């Protein structure tokens, strides 16, 4: 697994934590929309495979060097049977 050099989204939301990245307030609207779009596309891909993620939180959203955000920690995920 490759390293998420940007850390996680939680480190971007908590100004008390030391971080190389800007906090959400400093980022502005466009990068936040990009992060949300990455999350939505990831969840959509999982749902197409009948997987329920079940653990969506900022700590499980990893930021990579290219700026893309990926879901992590699939321990609570469940494969659902299609109806």
PDB file of N, CA and C in Angstrom:
ATOM      1  N   UNK A   1       0.850  -1.184   0.000  1.00  0.00           N
ATOM      2  CA  UNK A   1       0.000   0.000   0.000  1.00  0.00           C
ATOM      3  C   UNK A   1       0.892   1.243   0.000  1.00  0.00           C
ATOM      4  N   UNK A   2       0.553   2.188  -0.833  1.00  0.00           N
ATOM      5  CA  UNK A   2       1.354   3.401  -0.904  1.00  0.00           C
ATOM      6  C   UNK A   2       1.071   4.327   0.273  1.00  0.00           C
ATOM      7  N   UNK A   3       2.034   5.185   0.563  1.00  0.00           N
ATOM      8  CA  UNK A   3       1.923   6.096   1.699  1.00  0.00           C
ATOM      9  C   UNK A   3       1.060   7.305   1.355  1.00  0.00           C
ATOM     10  N   UNK A   4       0.182   7.671   2.273  1.00  0.00           N
ATOM     11  CA  UNK A   4      -0.647   8.868   2.114  1.00  0.00           C
ATOM     12  C   UNK A   4       0.132  10.042   2.695  1.00  0.00           C
ATOM     13  N   UNK A   5       0.908  10.699   1.858  1.00  0.00           N
ATOM     14  CA  UNK A   5       1.803  11.757   2.333  1.00  0.00           C
ATOM     15  C   UNK A   5       1.062  12.974   2.857  1.00  0.00           C
ATOM     16  N   UNK A   6      -0.185  13.143   2.482  1.00  0.00           N
ATOM     17  CA  UNK A   6      -0.966  14.272   2.957  1.00  0.00           C
ATOM     18  C   UNK A   6      -1.642  14.014   4.289  1.00  0.00           C
ATOM     19  N   UNK A   7      -1.474  12.802   4.822  1.00  0.00           N
ATOM     20  CA  UNK A   7      -2.124  12.470   6.084  1.00  0.00           C
ATOM     21  C   UNK A   7      -3.581  12.109   5.870  1.00  0.00           C
ATOM     22  N   UNK A   8      -4.395  12.449   6.845  1.00  0.00           N
ATOM     23  CA  UNK A   8      -5.818  12.190   6.723  1.00  0.00           C
ATOM     24  C   UNK A   8      -6.595  13.505   6.791  1.00  0.00           C
ATOM     25  N   UNK A   9      -7.873  13.442   6.469  1.00  0.00           N
ATOM     26  CA  UNK A   9      -8.694  14.649   6.448  1.00  0.00           C
ATOM     27  C   UNK A   9      -8.881  15.203   7.860  1.00  0.00           C
ATOM     28  N   UNK A  10      -8.847  14.339   8.870  1.00  0.00           N
ATOM     29  CA  UNK A  10      -8.982  14.807  10.248  1.00  0.00           C
ATOM     30  C   UNK A  10      -7.887  15.810  10.598  1.00  0.00           C
ATOM     31  N   UNK A  11      -6.666  15.558  10.144  1.00  0.00           N
ATOM     32  CA  UNK A  11      -5.565  16.485  10.441  1.00  0.00           C
ATOM     33  C   UNK A  11      -5.774  17.836   9.770  1.00  0.00           C
ATOM     34  N   UNK A  12      -6.596  17.873   8.706  1.00  0.00           N
ATOM     35  CA  UNK A  12      -6.903  19.146   8.058  1.00  0.00           C
ATOM     36  C   UNK A  12      -7.988  19.920   8.800  1.00  0.00           C
ATOM     37  N   UNK A  13      -8.800  19.211   9.585  1.00  0.00           N
ATOM     38  CA  UNK A  13      -9.924  19.863  10.254  1.00  0.00           C
ATOM     39  C   UNK A  13      -9.601  20.320  11.664  1.00  0.00           C
ATOM     40  N   UNK A  14      -8.529  19.823  12.267  1.00  0.00           N
ATOM     41  CA  UNK A  14      -8.204  20.140  13.650  1.00  0.00           C
ATOM     42  C   UNK A  14      -7.000  21.078  13.699  1.00  0.00           C
ATOM     43  N   UNK A  15      -7.204  22.384  13.925  1.00  0.00           N
ATOM     44  CA  UNK A  15      -6.092  23.328  13.937  1.00  0.00           C
ATOM     45  C   UNK A  15      -5.134  23.108  15.114  1.00  0.00           C
ATOM     46  N   UNK A  16      -5.543  22.336  16.131  1.00  0.00           N
ATOM     47  CA  UNK A  16      -4.658  22.080  17.273  1.00  0.00           C
ATOM     48  C   UNK A  16      -3.575  21.064  16.926  1.00  0.00           C
ATOM     49  N   UNK A  17      -3.803  20.237  15.911  1.00  0.00           N
ATOM     50  CA  UNK A  17      -2.815  19.243  15.523  1.00  0.00           C
ATOM     51  C   UNK A  17      -1.766  19.863  14.613  1.00  0.00           C
ATOM     52  N   UNK A  18      -0.488  19.524  14.816  1.00  0.00           N
ATOM     53  CA  UNK A  18       0.537  20.028  13.894  1.00  0.00           C
ATOM     54  C   UNK A  18       0.374  19.359  12.531  1.00  0.00           C
ATOM     55  N   UNK A  19       0.341  20.142  11.495  1.00  0.00           N
ATOM     56  CA  UNK A  19       0.122  19.582  10.165  1.00  0.00           C
ATOM     57  C   UNK A  19       0.838  20.440   9.130  1.00  0.00           C
ATOM     58  N   UNK A  20       1.349  19.770   8.090  1.00  0.00           N
ATOM     59  CA  UNK A  20       1.991  20.512   6.998  1.00  0.00           C
ATOM     60  C   UNK A  20       0.941  21.119   6.076  1.00  0.00           C
ATOM     61  N   UNK A  21      -0.256  20.607   6.145  1.00  0.00           N
ATOM     62  CA  UNK A  21      -1.326  21.044   5.256  1.00  0.00           C
ATOM     63  C   UNK A  21      -2.092  22.216   5.867  1.00  0.00           C
ATOM     64  N   UNK A  22      -2.800  22.927   5.021  1.00  0.00           N
ATOM     65  CA  UNK A  22      -3.642  24.028   5.492  1.00  0.00           C
ATOM     66  C   UNK A  22      -4.902  23.468   6.153  1.00  0.00           C
ATOM     67  N   UNK A  23      -5.465  24.219   7.079  1.00  0.00           N
ATOM     68  CA  UNK A  23      -6.724  23.793   7.688  1.00  0.00           C
ATOM     69  C   UNK A  23      -7.864  24.069   6.710  1.00  0.00           C
ATOM     70  N   UNK A  24      -9.026  23.506   6.984  1.00  0.00           N
ATOM     71  CA  UNK A  24     -10.168  23.690   6.092  1.00  0.00           C
ATOM     72  C   UNK A  24     -10.515  25.158   5.899  1.00  0.00           C
ATOM     73  N   UNK A  25     -10.426  25.950   6.931  1.00  0.00           N
ATOM     74  CA  UNK A  25     -10.767  27.376   6.792  1.00  0.00           C
ATOM     75  C   UNK A  25      -9.852  28.070   5.798  1.00  0.00           C
ATOM     76  N   UNK A  26      -8.586  27.691   5.791  1.00  0.00           N
ATOM     77  CA  UNK A  26      -7.623  28.311   4.892  1.00  0.00           C
ATOM     78  C   UNK A  26      -7.717  27.764   3.471  1.00  0.00           C
ATOM     79  N   UNK A  27      -8.281  26.570   3.327  1.00  0.00           N
ATOM     80  CA  UNK A  27      -8.314  25.924   2.014  1.00  0.00           C
ATOM     81  C   UNK A  27      -9.290  26.576   1.054  1.00  0.00           C
ATOM     82  N   UNK A  28     -10.410  26.995   1.533  1.00  0.00           N
ATOM     83  CA  UNK A  28     -11.422  27.555   0.649  1.00  0.00           C
ATOM     84  C   UNK A  28     -12.387  26.494   0.157  1.00  0.00           C
ATOM     85  N   UNK A  29     -13.325  26.899  -0.663  1.00  0.00           N
ATOM     86  CA  UNK A  29     -14.420  26.022  -1.071  1.00  0.00           C
ATOM     87  C   UNK A  29     -14.028  24.990  -2.119  1.00  0.00           C
ATOM     88  N   UNK A  30     -13.192  25.361  -3.073  1.00  0.00           N
ATOM     89  CA  UNK A  30     -12.881  24.467  -4.192  1.00  0.00           C
ATOM     90  C   UNK A  30     -12.177  23.181  -3.735  1.00  0.00           C
ATOM     91  N   UNK A  31     -11.128  23.243  -2.913  1.00  0.00           N
ATOM     92  CA  UNK A  31     -10.509  21.991  -2.462  1.00  0.00           C
ATOM     93  C   UNK A  31     -11.444  21.125  -1.617  1.00  0.00           C
ATOM     94  N   UNK A  32     -12.293  21.748  -0.836  1.00  0.00           N
ATOM     95  CA  UNK A  32     -13.227  20.977  -0.020  1.00  0.00           C
ATOM     96  C   UNK A  32     -14.237  20.258  -0.918  1.00  0.00           C
ATOM     97  N   UNK A  33     -14.692  20.919  -1.957  1.00  0.00           N
ATOM     98  CA  UNK A  33     -15.593  20.261  -2.915  1.00  0.00           C
ATOM     99  C   UNK A  33     -14.902  19.086  -3.595  1.00  0.00           C
ATOM    100  N   UNK A  34     -13.609  19.244  -3.886  1.00  0.00           N
ATOM    101  CA  UNK A  34     -12.850  18.165  -4.515  1.00  0.00           C
ATOM    102  C   UNK A  34     -12.760  16.964  -3.577  1.00  0.00           C
ATOM    103  N   UNK A  35     -12.497  17.208  -2.299  1.00  0.00           N
ATOM    104  CA  UNK A  35     -12.433  16.135  -1.305  1.00  0.00           C
ATOM    105  C   UNK A  35     -13.775  15.409  -1.239  1.00  0.00           C
ATOM    106  N   UNK A  36     -14.850  16.170  -1.172  1.00  0.00           N
ATOM    107  CA  UNK A  36     -16.185  15.557  -1.109  1.00  0.00           C
ATOM    108  C   UNK A  36     -16.495  14.757  -2.375  1.00  0.00           C
ATOM    109  N   UNK A  37     -16.066  15.266  -3.519  1.00  0.00           N
ATOM    110  CA  UNK A  37     -16.291  14.543  -4.775  1.00  0.00           C
ATOM    111  C   UNK A  37     -15.537  13.217  -4.758  1.00  0.00           C
ATOM    112  N   UNK A  38     -14.315  13.201  -4.238  1.00  0.00           N
ATOM    113  CA  UNK A  38     -13.547  11.953  -4.132  1.00  0.00           C
ATOM    114  C   UNK A  38     -14.272  10.947  -3.247  1.00  0.00           C
ATOM    115  N   UNK A  39     -14.802  11.424  -2.131  1.00  0.00           N
ATOM    116  CA  UNK A  39     -15.523  10.542  -1.205  1.00  0.00           C
ATOM    117  C   UNK A  39     -16.777   9.986  -1.875  1.00  0.00           C
ATOM    118  N   UNK A  40     -17.525  10.836  -2.540  1.00  0.00           N
ATOM    119  CA  UNK A  40     -18.753  10.397  -3.209  1.00  0.00           C
ATOM    120  C   UNK A  40     -18.443   9.362  -4.287  1.00  0.00           C
ATOM    121  N   UNK A  41     -17.400   9.604  -5.085  1.00  0.00           N
ATOM    122  CA  UNK A  41     -17.041   8.645  -6.130  1.00  0.00           C
ATOM    123  C   UNK A  41     -16.585   7.317  -5.534  1.00  0.00           C
ATOM    124  N   UNK A  42     -15.844   7.372  -4.420  1.00  0.00           N
ATOM    125  CA  UNK A  42     -15.413   6.143  -3.756  1.00  0.00           C
ATOM    126  C   UNK A  42     -16.584   5.346  -3.219  1.00  0.00           C
ATOM    127  N   UNK A  43     -17.517   6.034  -2.558  1.00  0.00           N
ATOM    128  CA  UNK A  43     -18.702   5.348  -2.033  1.00  0.00           C
ATOM    129  C   UNK A  43     -19.562   4.792  -3.158  1.00  0.00           C
ATOM    130  N   UNK A  44     -19.665   5.540  -4.245  1.00  0.00           N
ATOM    131  CA  UNK A  44     -20.441   5.069  -5.388  1.00  0.00           C
ATOM    132  C   UNK A  44     -19.835   3.787  -5.966  1.00  0.00           C
ATOM    133  N   UNK A  45     -18.510   3.738  -6.073  1.00  0.00           N
ATOM    134  CA  UNK A  45     -17.844   2.542  -6.587  1.00  0.00           C
ATOM    135  C   UNK A  45     -18.089   1.343  -5.670  1.00  0.00           C
ATOM    136  N   UNK A  46     -18.039   1.574  -4.359  1.00  0.00           N
ATOM    137  CA  UNK A  46     -18.309   0.490  -3.413  1.00  0.00           C
ATOM    138  C   UNK A  46     -19.757   0.018  -3.513  1.00  0.00           C
ATOM    139  N   UNK A  47     -20.686   0.946  -3.628  1.00  0.00           N
ATOM    140  CA  UNK A  47     -22.102   0.588  -3.699  1.00  0.00           C
ATOM    141  C   UNK A  47     -22.414  -0.200  -4.974  1.00  0.00           C
ATOM    142  N   UNK A  48     -21.714   0.112  -6.064  1.00  0.00           N
ATOM    143  CA  UNK A  48     -21.912  -0.649  -7.301  1.00  0.00           C
ATOM    144  C   UNK A  48     -21.468  -2.097  -7.139  1.00  0.00           C
ATOM    145  N   UNK A  49     -20.553  -2.326  -6.188  1.00  0.00           N
ATOM    146  CA  UNK A  49     -20.087  -3.685  -5.894  1.00  0.00           C
ATOM    147  C   UNK A  49     -20.817  -4.292  -4.697  1.00  0.00           C
ATOM    148  N   UNK A  50     -21.910  -3.641  -4.283  1.00  0.00           N
ATOM    149  CA  UNK A  50     -22.741  -4.092  -3.158  1.00  0.00           C
ATOM    150  C   UNK A  50     -21.974  -4.137  -1.836  1.00  0.00           C
ATOM    151  N   UNK A  51     -21.092  -3.172  -1.640  1.00  0.00           N
ATOM    152  CA  UNK A  51     -20.341  -3.067  -0.393  1.00  0.00           C
ATOM    153  C   UNK A  51     -20.855  -1.854   0.372  1.00  0.00           C
ATOM    154  N   UNK A  52     -21.177  -2.059   1.650  1.00  0.00           N
ATOM    155  CA  UNK A  52     -21.590  -0.974   2.534  1.00  0.00           C
ATOM    156  C   UNK A  52     -20.384  -0.611   3.394  1.00  0.00           C
ATOM    157  N   UNK A  53     -19.913   0.623   3.329  1.00  0.00           N
ATOM    158  CA  UNK A  53     -18.649   1.037   3.957  1.00  0.00           C
ATOM    159  C   UNK A  53     -18.731   1.069   5.484  1.00  0.00           C
ATOM    160  N   UNK A  54     -19.720   1.693   6.070  1.00  0.00           N
ATOM    161  CA  UNK A  54     -20.011   1.685   7.506  1.00  0.00           C
ATOM    162  C   UNK A  54     -19.025   2.400   8.424  1.00  0.00           C
ATOM    163  N   UNK A  55     -18.012   3.080   7.925  1.00  0.00           N
ATOM    164  CA  UNK A  55     -17.051   3.722   8.831  1.00  0.00           C
ATOM    165  C   UNK A  55     -16.538   5.042   8.257  1.00  0.00           C
ATOM    166  N   UNK A  56     -17.459   5.859   7.771  1.00  0.00           N
ATOM    167  CA  UNK A  56     -17.068   7.124   7.162  1.00  0.00           C
ATOM    168  C   UNK A  56     -16.806   8.166   8.245  1.00  0.00           C
ATOM    169  N   UNK A  57     -15.536   8.568   8.370  1.00  0.00           N
ATOM    170  CA  UNK A  57     -15.124   9.611   9.302  1.00  0.00           C
ATOM    171  C   UNK A  57     -13.829  10.207   8.773  1.00  0.00           C
ATOM    172  N   UNK A  58     -13.497  11.423   9.181  1.00  0.00           N
ATOM    173  CA  UNK A  58     -12.313  12.096   8.638  1.00  0.00           C
ATOM    174  C   UNK A  58     -11.015  11.314   8.821  1.00  0.00           C
ATOM    175  N   UNK A  59     -10.902  10.543   9.883  1.00  0.00           N
ATOM    176  CA  UNK A  59      -9.693   9.770  10.119  1.00  0.00           C
ATOM    177  C   UNK A  59      -9.478   8.675   9.083  1.00  0.00           C
ATOM    178  N   UNK A  60     -10.540   8.251   8.405  1.00  0.00           N
ATOM    179  CA  UNK A  60     -10.457   7.181   7.409  1.00  0.00           C
ATOM    180  C   UNK A  60     -10.395   7.700   5.981  1.00  0.00           C
ATOM    181  N   UNK A  61     -10.202   8.982   5.808  1.00  0.00           N
ATOM    182  CA  UNK A  61     -10.054   9.578   4.484  1.00  0.00           C
ATOM    183  C   UNK A  61      -8.608  10.017   4.331  1.00  0.00           C
ATOM    184  N   UNK A  62      -7.843   9.280   3.528  1.00  0.00           N
ATOM    185  CA  UNK A  62      -6.425   9.553   3.364  1.00  0.00           C
ATOM    186  C   UNK A  62      -6.184  10.477   2.178  1.00  0.00           C
ATOM    187  N   UNK A  63      -5.313  11.457   2.374  1.00  0.00           N
ATOM    188  CA  UNK A  63      -4.977  12.436   1.338  1.00  0.00           C
ATOM    189  C   UNK A  63      -3.625  12.048   0.737  1.00  0.00           C
ATOM    190  N   UNK A  64      -3.595  11.848  -0.576  1.00  0.00           N
ATOM    191  CA  UNK A  64      -2.372  11.449  -1.246  1.00  0.00           C
ATOM    192  C   UNK A  64      -1.690  12.649  -1.886  1.00  0.00           C
ATOM    193  N   UNK A  65      -0.453  12.446  -2.315  1.00  0.00           N
ATOM    194  CA  UNK A  65       0.362  13.545  -2.828  1.00  0.00           C
ATOM    195  C   UNK A  65      -0.274  14.248  -4.026  1.00  0.00           C
ATOM    196  N   UNK A  66      -1.041  13.510  -4.833  1.00  0.00           N
ATOM    197  CA  UNK A  66      -1.686  14.115  -5.998  1.00  0.00           C
ATOM    198  C   UNK A  66      -2.954  14.884  -5.632  1.00  0.00           C
ATOM    199  N   UNK A  67      -3.306  14.897  -4.327  1.00  0.00           N
ATOM    200  CA  UNK A  67      -4.469  15.642  -3.863  1.00  0.00           C
ATOM    201  C   UNK A  67      -5.740  14.819  -3.765  1.00  0.00           C
ATOM    202  N   UNK A  68      -5.714  13.615  -4.305  1.00  0.00           N
ATOM    203  CA  UNK A  68      -6.896  12.766  -4.248  1.00  0.00           C
ATOM    204  C   UNK A  68      -7.056  12.157  -2.863  1.00  0.00           C
ATOM    205  N   UNK A  69      -8.302  11.932  -2.486  1.00  0.00           N
ATOM    206  CA  UNK A  69      -8.640  11.349  -1.189  1.00  0.00           C
ATOM    207  C   UNK A  69      -9.177   9.944  -1.433  1.00  0.00           C
ATOM    208  N   UNK A  70      -8.710   8.995  -0.610  1.00  0.00           N
ATOM    209  CA  UNK A  70      -9.160   7.613  -0.733  1.00  0.00           C
ATOM    210  C   UNK A  70      -9.695   7.125   0.598  1.00  0.00           C
ATOM    211  N   UNK A  71     -10.676   6.257   0.514  1.00  0.00           N
ATOM    212  CA  UNK A  71     -11.241   5.636   1.711  1.00  0.00           C
ATOM    213  C   UNK A  71     -10.262   4.591   2.242  1.00  0.00           C
ATOM    214  N   UNK A  72     -10.212   4.450   3.563  1.00  0.00           N
ATOM    215  CA  UNK A  72      -9.378   3.420   4.182  1.00  0.00           C
ATOM    216  C   UNK A  72     -10.145   2.763   5.317  1.00  0.00           C
ATOM    217  N   UNK A  73      -9.575   1.741   5.894  1.00  0.00           N
ATOM    218  CA  UNK A  73     -10.125   1.008   7.034  1.00  0.00           C
ATOM    219  C   UNK A  73     -11.483   0.396   6.697  1.00  0.00           C
ATOM    220  N   UNK A  74     -11.434  -0.723   6.032  1.00  0.00           N
ATOM    221  CA  UNK A  74     -12.651  -1.415   5.605  1.00  0.00           C
ATOM    222  C   UNK A  74     -13.084  -2.491   6.599  1.00  0.00           C
ATOM    223  N   UNK A  75     -12.622  -2.396   7.838  1.00  0.00           N
ATOM    224  CA  UNK A  75     -12.927  -3.403   8.847  1.00  0.00           C
ATOM    225  C   UNK A  75     -14.406  -3.555   9.160  1.00  0.00           C
ATOM    226  N   UNK A  76     -15.163  -2.477   9.082  1.00  0.00           N
ATOM    227  CA  UNK A  76     -16.602  -2.540   9.365  1.00  0.00           C
ATOM    228  C   UNK A  76     -17.449  -2.706   8.105  1.00  0.00           C
ATOM    229  N   UNK A  77     -16.808  -2.754   6.951  1.00  0.00           N
ATOM    230  CA  UNK A  77     -17.546  -2.880   5.688  1.00  0.00           C
ATOM    231  C   UNK A  77     -18.202  -4.240   5.579  1.00  0.00           C
ATOM    232  N   UNK A  78     -19.307  -4.272   4.876  1.00  0.00           N
ATOM    233  CA  UNK A  78     -20.043  -5.515   4.679  1.00  0.00           C
ATOM    234  C   UNK A  78     -20.443  -5.651   3.214  1.00  0.00           C
ATOM    235  N   UNK A  79     -20.322  -6.872   2.718  1.00  0.00           N
ATOM    236  CA  UNK A  79     -20.805  -7.156   1.373  1.00  0.00           C
ATOM    237  C   UNK A  79     -22.266  -7.545   1.485  1.00  0.00           C
ATOM    238  N   UNK A  80     -23.122  -6.821   0.795  1.00  0.00           N
ATOM    239  CA  UNK A  80     -24.551  -7.050   0.849  1.00  0.00           C
ATOM    240  C   UNK A  80     -25.010  -7.861  -0.346  1.00  0.00           C
ATOM    241  N   UNK A  81     -26.025  -8.653  -0.141  1.00  0.00           N
ATOM    242  CA  UNK A  81     -26.595  -9.441  -1.229  1.00  0.00           C
ATOM    243  C   UNK A  81     -27.540  -8.540  -2.032  1.00  0.00           C
ATOM    244  N   UNK A  82     -27.393  -8.524  -3.353  1.00  0.00           N
ATOM    245  CA  UNK A  82     -28.305  -7.717  -4.179  1.00  0.00           C
ATOM    246  C   UNK A  82     -29.717  -8.252  -4.092  1.00  0.00           C
ATOM    247  N   UNK A  83     -30.679  -7.343  -4.193  1.00  0.00           N
ATOM    248  CA  UNK A  83     -32.089  -7.739  -4.129  1.00  0.00           C
ATOM    249  C   UNK A  83     -32.629  -8.047  -5.483  1.00  0.00           C
TER     250      UNK A  83
END
